[in-house]
PDB file of N, CA and C in Angstrom:
ATOM      1  N   MET A   1     -29.088  40.282  46.625  1.00  0.00           N
ATOM      2  CA  MET A   1     -30.226  41.399  46.524  1.00  0.00           C
ATOM      3  C   MET A   1     -31.798  40.908  46.325  1.00  0.00           C
ATOM      4  N   GLY A   2     -31.707  39.572  45.451  1.00  0.00           N
ATOM      5  CA  GLY A   2     -32.860  39.085  45.418  1.00  0.00           C
ATOM      6  C   GLY A   2     -33.572  38.475  46.373  1.00  0.00           C
ATOM      7  N   LEU A   3     -32.347  38.023  47.107  1.00  0.00           N
ATOM      8  CA  LEU A   3     -32.949  36.986  48.305  1.00  0.00           C
ATOM      9  C   LEU A   3     -33.702  38.309  49.513  1.00  0.00           C
ATOM     10  N   GLY A   4     -32.881  39.049  49.697  1.00  0.00           N
ATOM     11  CA  GLY A   4     -33.059  40.268  50.755  1.00  0.00           C
ATOM     12  C   GLY A   4     -34.554  40.598  50.184  1.00  0.00           C
ATOM     13  N   THR A   5     -34.696  41.169  48.951  1.00  0.00           N
ATOM     14  CA  THR A   5     -36.066  41.805  48.592  1.00  0.00           C
ATOM     15  C   THR A   5     -37.111  40.900  48.771  1.00  0.00           C
ATOM     16  N   GLY A   6     -36.860  39.620  48.414  1.00  0.00           N
ATOM     17  CA  GLY A   6     -38.341  38.758  48.984  1.00  0.00           C
ATOM     18  C   GLY A   6     -38.262  38.320  50.206  1.00  0.00           C
ATOM     19  N   ILE A   7     -37.488  38.521  51.262  1.00  0.00           N
ATOM     20  CA  ILE A   7     -37.526  38.119  52.558  1.00  0.00           C
ATOM     21  C   ILE A   7     -38.863  39.849  52.610  1.00  0.00           C
ATOM     22  N   LEU A   8     -37.992  40.739  52.234  1.00  0.00           N
ATOM     23  CA  LEU A   8     -38.876  41.961  52.512  1.00  0.00           C
ATOM     24  C   LEU A   8     -40.297  41.814  52.457  1.00  0.00           C
ATOM     25  N   TYR A   9     -40.409  41.823  51.004  1.00  0.00           N
ATOM     26  CA  TYR A   9     -42.090  41.265  50.637  1.00  0.00           C
ATOM     27  C   TYR A   9     -42.698  40.251  51.440  1.00  0.00           C
ATOM     28  N   LEU A  10     -42.102  39.140  51.950  1.00  0.00           N
ATOM     29  CA  LEU A  10     -42.822  38.318  53.005  1.00  0.00           C
ATOM     30  C   LEU A  10     -42.847  38.771  54.160  1.00  0.00           C
ATOM     31  N   GLY A  11     -42.095  39.603  54.504  1.00  0.00           N
ATOM     32  CA  GLY A  11     -42.335  40.527  55.609  1.00  0.00           C
ATOM     33  C   GLY A  11     -43.741  41.235  55.617  1.00  0.00           C
ATOM     34  N   PHE A  12     -43.751  42.097  54.660  1.00  0.00           N
ATOM     35  CA  PHE A  12     -45.038  42.808  54.677  1.00  0.00           C
ATOM     36  C   PHE A  12     -46.113  41.966  54.385  1.00  0.00           C
ATOM     37  N   GLY A  13     -46.246  41.151  53.857  1.00  0.00           N
ATOM     38  CA  GLY A  13     -47.264  39.934  53.669  1.00  0.00           C
ATOM     39  C   GLY A  13     -47.444  39.705  55.291  1.00  0.00           C
ATOM     40  N   ILE A  14     -46.471  39.161  56.244  1.00  0.00           N
ATOM     41  CA  ILE A  14     -46.838  38.718  57.580  1.00  0.00           C
ATOM     42  C   ILE A  14     -47.509  40.082  58.280  1.00  0.00           C
ATOM     43  N   ILE A  15     -46.798  41.150  58.308  1.00  0.00           N
ATOM     44  CA  ILE A  15     -47.028  42.466  59.014  1.00  0.00           C
ATOM     45  C   ILE A  15     -48.872  42.760  58.714  1.00  0.00           C
ATOM     46  N   PHE A  16     -49.242  42.515  57.291  1.00  0.00           N
ATOM     47  CA  PHE A  16     -50.333  43.050  57.135  1.00  0.00           C
ATOM     48  C   PHE A  16     -51.468  41.870  57.060  1.00  0.00           C
ATOM     49  N   ASN A  17     -50.658  40.685  57.392  1.00  0.00           N
ATOM     50  CA  ASN A  17     -51.593  39.328  57.914  1.00  0.00           C
ATOM     51  C   ASN A  17     -52.610  38.924  56.307  1.00  0.00           C
ATOM     52  N   SER A  18     -51.644  38.928  55.245  1.00  0.00           N
ATOM     53  CA  SER A  18     -52.184  38.649  54.075  1.00  0.00           C
ATOM     54  C   SER A  18     -51.539  37.312  53.534  1.00  0.00           C
ATOM     55  N   PRO A  19     -52.226  36.504  53.125  1.00  0.00           N
ATOM     56  CA  PRO A  19     -51.732  35.198  52.573  1.00  0.00           C
ATOM     57  C   PRO A  19     -51.568  35.095  51.568  1.00  0.00           C
ATOM     58  N   SER A  20     -52.714  35.847  50.635  1.00  0.00           N
ATOM     59  CA  SER A  20     -52.634  35.970  48.998  1.00  0.00           C
ATOM     60  C   SER A  20     -51.336  36.521  48.855  1.00  0.00           C
ATOM     61  N   PHE A  21     -51.087  37.838  49.659  1.00  0.00           N
ATOM     62  CA  PHE A  21     -49.806  38.657  49.604  1.00  0.00           C
ATOM     63  C   PHE A  21     -48.202  37.544  49.342  1.00  0.00           C
ATOM     64  N   MET A  22     -48.601  37.169  50.498  1.00  0.00           N
ATOM     65  CA  MET A  22     -47.419  36.315  50.647  1.00  0.00           C
ATOM     66  C   MET A  22     -47.163  34.733  49.662  1.00  0.00           C
ATOM     67  N   PHE A  23     -48.273  34.491  49.221  1.00  0.00           N
ATOM     68  CA  PHE A  23     -48.472  33.439  47.839  1.00  0.00           C
ATOM     69  C   PHE A  23     -47.715  34.273  46.760  1.00  0.00           C
ATOM     70  N   ILE A  24     -48.458  34.982  46.276  1.00  0.00           N
ATOM     71  CA  ILE A  24     -48.095  35.708  45.152  1.00  0.00           C
ATOM     72  C   ILE A  24     -46.478  36.137  45.457  1.00  0.00           C
ATOM     73  N   THR A  25     -46.040  36.804  46.287  1.00  0.00           N
ATOM     74  CA  THR A  25     -44.394  36.909  46.472  1.00  0.00           C
ATOM     75  C   THR A  25     -43.807  35.908  46.073  1.00  0.00           C
ATOM     76  N   ILE A  26     -44.159  34.373  46.807  1.00  0.00           N
ATOM     77  CA  ILE A  26     -43.155  33.391  46.854  1.00  0.00           C
ATOM     78  C   ILE A  26     -43.309  32.868  45.120  1.00  0.00           C
ATOM     79  N   PHE A  27     -44.549  32.865  44.864  1.00  0.00           N
ATOM     80  CA  PHE A  27     -45.040  32.421  43.310  1.00  0.00           C
ATOM     81  C   PHE A  27     -43.726  33.594  42.341  1.00  0.00           C
ATOM     82  N   LEU A  28     -44.131  34.809  42.150  1.00  0.00           N
ATOM     83  CA  LEU A  28     -43.282  35.597  41.825  1.00  0.00           C
ATOM     84  C   LEU A  28     -41.581  35.412  41.706  1.00  0.00           C
ATOM     85  N   PHE A  29     -41.206  35.386  42.552  1.00  0.00           N
ATOM     86  CA  PHE A  29     -39.520  35.306  42.930  1.00  0.00           C
ATOM     87  C   PHE A  29     -39.415  33.905  42.929  1.00  0.00           C
ATOM     88  N   THR A  30     -40.294  32.490  42.814  1.00  0.00           N
ATOM     89  CA  THR A  30     -39.835  31.784  42.550  1.00  0.00           C
ATOM     90  C   THR A  30     -39.490  31.976  40.862  1.00  0.00           C
ATOM     91  N   LEU A  31     -40.299  32.261  40.019  1.00  0.00           N
ATOM     92  CA  LEU A  31     -40.464  32.599  38.795  1.00  0.00           C
ATOM     93  C   LEU A  31     -38.766  33.592  38.304  1.00  0.00           C
ATOM     94  N   PHE A  32     -38.727  34.208  38.953  1.00  0.00           N
ATOM     95  CA  PHE A  32     -37.699  35.322  38.873  1.00  0.00           C
ATOM     96  C   PHE A  32     -36.382  34.586  39.103  1.00  0.00           C
ATOM     97  N   PHE A  33     -36.057  33.875  39.964  1.00  0.00           N
ATOM     98  CA  PHE A  33     -34.758  32.815  40.350  1.00  0.00           C
ATOM     99  C   PHE A  33     -34.714  31.919  39.543  1.00  0.00           C
ATOM    100  N   LEU A  34     -35.971  31.237  38.693  1.00  0.00           N
ATOM    101  CA  LEU A  34     -35.598  30.231  38.019  1.00  0.00           C
ATOM    102  C   LEU A  34     -35.201  31.101  36.622  1.00  0.00           C
ATOM    103  N   TYR A  35     -35.849  32.275  36.215  1.00  0.00           N
ATOM    104  CA  TYR A  35     -35.318  32.858  35.264  1.00  0.00           C
ATOM    105  C   TYR A  35     -33.981  33.041  35.343  1.00  0.00           C
ATOM    106  N   TYR A  36     -33.630  33.699  36.417  1.00  0.00           N
ATOM    107  CA  TYR A  36     -32.120  33.927  36.434  1.00  0.00           C
ATOM    108  C   TYR A  36     -31.360  32.674  36.437  1.00  0.00           C
ATOM    109  N   LYS A  37     -31.844  31.510  37.150  1.00  0.00           N
ATOM    110  CA  LYS A  37     -30.554  30.700  37.001  1.00  0.00           C
ATOM    111  C   LYS A  37     -30.695  29.843  35.524  1.00  0.00           C
ATOM    112  N   LEU A  38     -31.923  29.543  34.991  1.00  0.00           N
ATOM    113  CA  LEU A  38     -31.912  28.941  33.703  1.00  0.00           C
ATOM    114  C   LEU A  38     -31.665  29.780  32.140  1.00  0.00           C
ATOM    115  N   ILE A  39     -31.794  30.740  32.561  1.00  0.00           N
ATOM    116  CA  ILE A  39     -31.887  31.814  31.248  1.00  0.00           C
ATOM    117  C   ILE A  39     -30.464  32.847  31.125  1.00  0.00           C
ATOM    118  N   GLU A  40     -30.903  33.556  32.204  1.00  0.00           N
ATOM    119  CA  GLU A  40     -29.480  34.355  32.579  1.00  0.00           C
ATOM    120  C   GLU A  40     -28.249  34.130  32.420  1.00  0.00           C
ATOM    121  N   GLU A  41     -27.965  32.999  33.637  1.00  0.00           N
ATOM    122  CA  GLU A  41     -26.745  32.343  33.718  1.00  0.00           C
ATOM    123  C   GLU A  41     -26.046  32.370  32.367  1.00  0.00           C
ATOM    124  N   LYS A  42     -26.764  31.730  31.345  1.00  0.00           N
ATOM    125  CA  LYS A  42     -26.330  30.967  30.240  1.00  0.00           C
ATOM    126  C   LYS A  42     -25.790  32.274  29.261  1.00  0.00           C
ATOM    127  N   GLU A  43     -26.747  33.393  29.132  1.00  0.00           N
ATOM    128  CA  GLU A  43     -26.288  34.492  28.594  1.00  0.00           C
ATOM    129  C   GLU A  43     -25.237  35.243  29.047  1.00  0.00           C
ATOM    130  N   LEU A  44     -24.711  35.323  30.251  1.00  0.00           N
ATOM    131  CA  LEU A  44     -24.156  35.897  30.950  1.00  0.00           C
ATOM    132  C   LEU A  44     -22.492  35.009  30.749  1.00  0.00           C
ATOM    133  N   ALA A  45     -22.667  33.530  30.711  1.00  0.00           N
ATOM    134  CA  ALA A  45     -21.840  32.982  30.353  1.00  0.00           C
ATOM    135  C   ALA A  45     -21.030  33.022  29.022  1.00  0.00           C
ATOM    136  N   ALA A  46     -22.293  33.361  28.041  1.00  0.00           N
ATOM    137  CA  ALA A  46     -21.786  33.325  26.534  1.00  0.00           C
ATOM    138  C   ALA A  46     -21.357  34.836  26.324  1.00  0.00           C
ATOM    139  N   ARG A  47     -21.351  35.704  27.072  1.00  0.00           N
ATOM    140  CA  ARG A  47     -21.261  36.977  26.802  1.00  0.00           C
ATOM    141  C   ARG A  47     -19.875  37.491  27.701  1.00  0.00           C
ATOM    142  N   PHE A  48     -19.585  36.864  28.830  1.00  0.00           N
ATOM    143  CA  PHE A  48     -18.272  37.173  29.508  1.00  0.00           C
ATOM    144  C   PHE A  48     -17.697  36.004  29.775  1.00  0.00           C
ATOM    145  N   GLY A  49     -17.588  34.804  29.249  1.00  0.00           N
ATOM    146  CA  GLY A  49     -16.975  33.805  29.131  1.00  0.00           C
ATOM    147  C   GLY A  49     -16.406  33.096  30.589  1.00  0.00           C
ATOM    148  N   GLU A  50     -15.156  32.717  30.614  1.00  0.00           N
ATOM    149  CA  GLU A  50     -14.417  32.179  31.550  1.00  0.00           C
ATOM    150  C   GLU A  50     -14.622  33.318  32.538  1.00  0.00           C
ATOM    151  N   GLU A  51     -14.335  34.405  32.676  1.00  0.00           N
ATOM    152  CA  GLU A  51     -14.357  35.320  33.527  1.00  0.00           C
ATOM    153  C   GLU A  51     -15.702  35.132  34.613  1.00  0.00           C
ATOM    154  N   TYR A  52     -16.731  35.086  33.736  1.00  0.00           N
ATOM    155  CA  TYR A  52     -18.210  34.842  34.487  1.00  0.00           C
ATOM    156  C   TYR A  52     -18.054  33.463  35.387  1.00  0.00           C
ATOM    157  N   LEU A  53     -17.486  32.539  34.617  1.00  0.00           N
ATOM    158  CA  LEU A  53     -17.659  31.230  34.924  1.00  0.00           C
ATOM    159  C   LEU A  53     -16.850  30.922  36.575  1.00  0.00           C
ATOM    160  N   GLU A  54     -15.757  31.829  36.302  1.00  0.00           N
ATOM    161  CA  GLU A  54     -14.925  31.902  37.699  1.00  0.00           C
ATOM    162  C   GLU A  54     -15.528  32.557  38.673  1.00  0.00           C
ATOM    163  N   TYR A  55     -16.187  33.739  38.395  1.00  0.00           N
ATOM    164  CA  TYR A  55     -17.194  34.604  39.236  1.00  0.00           C
ATOM    165  C   TYR A  55     -18.446  33.522  39.839  1.00  0.00           C
ATOM    166  N   LYS A  56     -18.967  32.854  39.074  1.00  0.00           N
ATOM    167  CA  LYS A  56     -19.900  31.718  39.482  1.00  0.00           C
ATOM    168  C   LYS A  56     -19.548  30.640  40.330  1.00  0.00           C
ATOM    169  N   ARG A  57     -18.185  30.194  40.174  1.00  0.00           N
ATOM    170  CA  ARG A  57     -17.524  29.455  41.139  1.00  0.00           C
ATOM    171  C   ARG A  57     -17.564  30.055  42.329  1.00  0.00           C
ATOM    172  N   ARG A  58     -16.882  31.227  42.510  1.00  0.00           N
ATOM    173  CA  ARG A  58     -16.827  31.691  43.717  1.00  0.00           C
ATOM    174  C   ARG A  58     -18.007  32.660  44.411  1.00  0.00           C
ATOM    175  N   THR A  59     -19.065  32.250  43.779  1.00  0.00           N
ATOM    176  CA  THR A  59     -20.305  33.209  44.460  1.00  0.00           C
ATOM    177  C   THR A  59     -21.404  32.369  44.580  1.00  0.00           C
ATOM    178  N   PRO A  60     -21.784  31.868  45.851  1.00  0.00           N
ATOM    179  CA  PRO A  60     -23.061  31.481  45.825  1.00  0.00           C
ATOM    180  C   PRO A  60     -24.142  31.767  44.688  1.00  0.00           C
ATOM    181  N   PHE A  61     -25.458  31.324  44.918  1.00  0.00           N
ATOM    182  CA  PHE A  61     -26.310  31.885  44.013  1.00  0.00           C
ATOM    183  C   PHE A  61     -27.247  32.130  44.675  1.00  0.00           C
ATOM    184  N   LEU A  62     -27.936  31.898  45.869  1.00  0.00           N
ATOM    185  CA  LEU A  62     -28.979  32.376  46.606  1.00  0.00           C
ATOM    186  C   LEU A  62     -28.633  32.943  47.963  1.00  0.00           C
ATOM    187  N   ILE A  63     -27.948  32.136  48.604  1.00  0.00           N
ATOM    188  CA  ILE A  63     -27.682  32.147  50.060  1.00  0.00           C
ATOM    189  C   ILE A  63     -26.394  32.606  50.335  1.00  0.00           C
ATOM    190  N   PRO A  64     -25.856  33.669  50.804  1.00  0.00           N
ATOM    191  CA  PRO A  64     -24.529  34.164  50.859  1.00  0.00           C
ATOM    192  C   PRO A  64     -23.708  33.402  51.926  1.00  0.00           C
ATOM    193  N   THR A  65     -22.297  33.597  51.670  1.00  0.00           N
ATOM    194  CA  THR A  65     -21.481  32.839  52.846  1.00  0.00           C
ATOM    195  C   THR A  65     -20.737  33.677  53.775  1.00  0.00           C
ATOM    196  N   PHE A  66     -20.440  33.741  54.569  1.00  0.00           N
ATOM    197  CA  PHE A  66     -19.627  34.678  55.528  1.00  0.00           C
ATOM    198  C   PHE A  66     -18.269  34.183  55.743  1.00  0.00           C
ATOM    199  N   ARG A  67     -17.681  33.281  55.111  1.00  0.00           N
ATOM    200  CA  ARG A  67     -16.296  32.731  55.442  1.00  0.00           C
ATOM    201  C   ARG A  67     -15.416  33.561  54.832  1.00  0.00           C
ATOM    202  N   ARG A  68     -14.261  33.597  55.423  1.00  0.00           N
ATOM    203  CA  ARG A  68     -12.982  34.656  54.631  1.00  0.00           C
ATOM    204  C   ARG A  68     -12.552  33.695  53.468  1.00  0.00           C
ATOM    205  N   LYS A  69     -12.118  34.317  52.508  1.00  0.00           N
ATOM    206  CA  LYS A  69     -11.373  33.929  51.548  1.00  0.00           C
ATOM    207  C   LYS A  69      -9.761  33.679  51.780  1.00  0.00           C
ATOM    208  N   LYS A  70      -9.446  32.680  51.538  1.00  0.00           N
ATOM    209  CA  LYS A  70      -8.210  32.211  51.751  1.00  0.00           C
ATOM    210  C   LYS A  70      -6.883  33.382  51.376  1.00  0.00           C
ATOM    211  N   SER A  71      -7.425  34.107  50.369  1.00  0.00           N
ATOM    212  CA  SER A  71      -6.419  35.196  49.969  1.00  0.00           C
ATOM    213  C   SER A  71      -6.456  36.264  50.828  1.00  0.00           C
ATOM    214  N   TYR A  72      -7.517  36.555  51.516  1.00  0.00           N
ATOM    215  CA  TYR A  72      -7.454  37.471  52.485  1.00  0.00           C
ATOM    216  C   TYR A  72      -6.934  37.244  53.859  1.00  0.00           C
ATOM    217  N   LYS A  73      -6.959  35.739  54.222  1.00  0.00           N
ATOM    218  CA  LYS A  73      -6.219  35.489  55.356  1.00  0.00           C
ATOM    219  C   LYS A  73      -4.754  35.655  55.429  1.00  0.00           C
ATOM    220  N   ARG A  74      -4.001  35.538  54.163  1.00  0.00           N
ATOM    221  CA  ARG A  74      -2.599  36.226  54.341  1.00  0.00           C
ATOM    222  C   ARG A  74      -2.259  37.661  54.253  1.00  0.00           C
ATOM    223  N   ILE A  75      -3.322  38.236  54.072  1.00  0.00           N
ATOM    224  CA  ILE A  75      -3.322  39.925  54.266  1.00  0.00           C
ATOM    225  C   ILE A  75      -3.496  40.443  55.474  1.00  0.00           C
ATOM    226  N   TYR A  76      -4.323  39.801  56.213  1.00  0.00           N
ATOM    227  CA  TYR A  76      -4.407  40.328  57.492  1.00  0.00           C
ATOM    228  C   TYR A  76      -3.445  39.847  58.506  1.00  0.00           C
ATOM    229  N   ARG A  77      -2.698  38.655  58.473  1.00  0.00           N
ATOM    230  CA  ARG A  77      -1.987  37.789  59.423  1.00  0.00           C
ATOM    231  C   ARG A  77      -0.617  38.789  59.591  1.00  0.00           C
TER     232      ARG A  77
END
């Protein structure tokens, strides 16, 4: 969700030909993603424990992957 929003705002900067808007967007989203990675992930791990850590192992942080899960392959065959 965050990656999509960042791309959307960068697109607005390109459409309006505004380098300052693009710079501000990149700067703010860098700060947001650093906050998520350095602070929020620790809080979620403390709050939800092993369940969150398992979710974190299965889910990429920034760029989604589109490969099938092994468990899904058994269901559709």
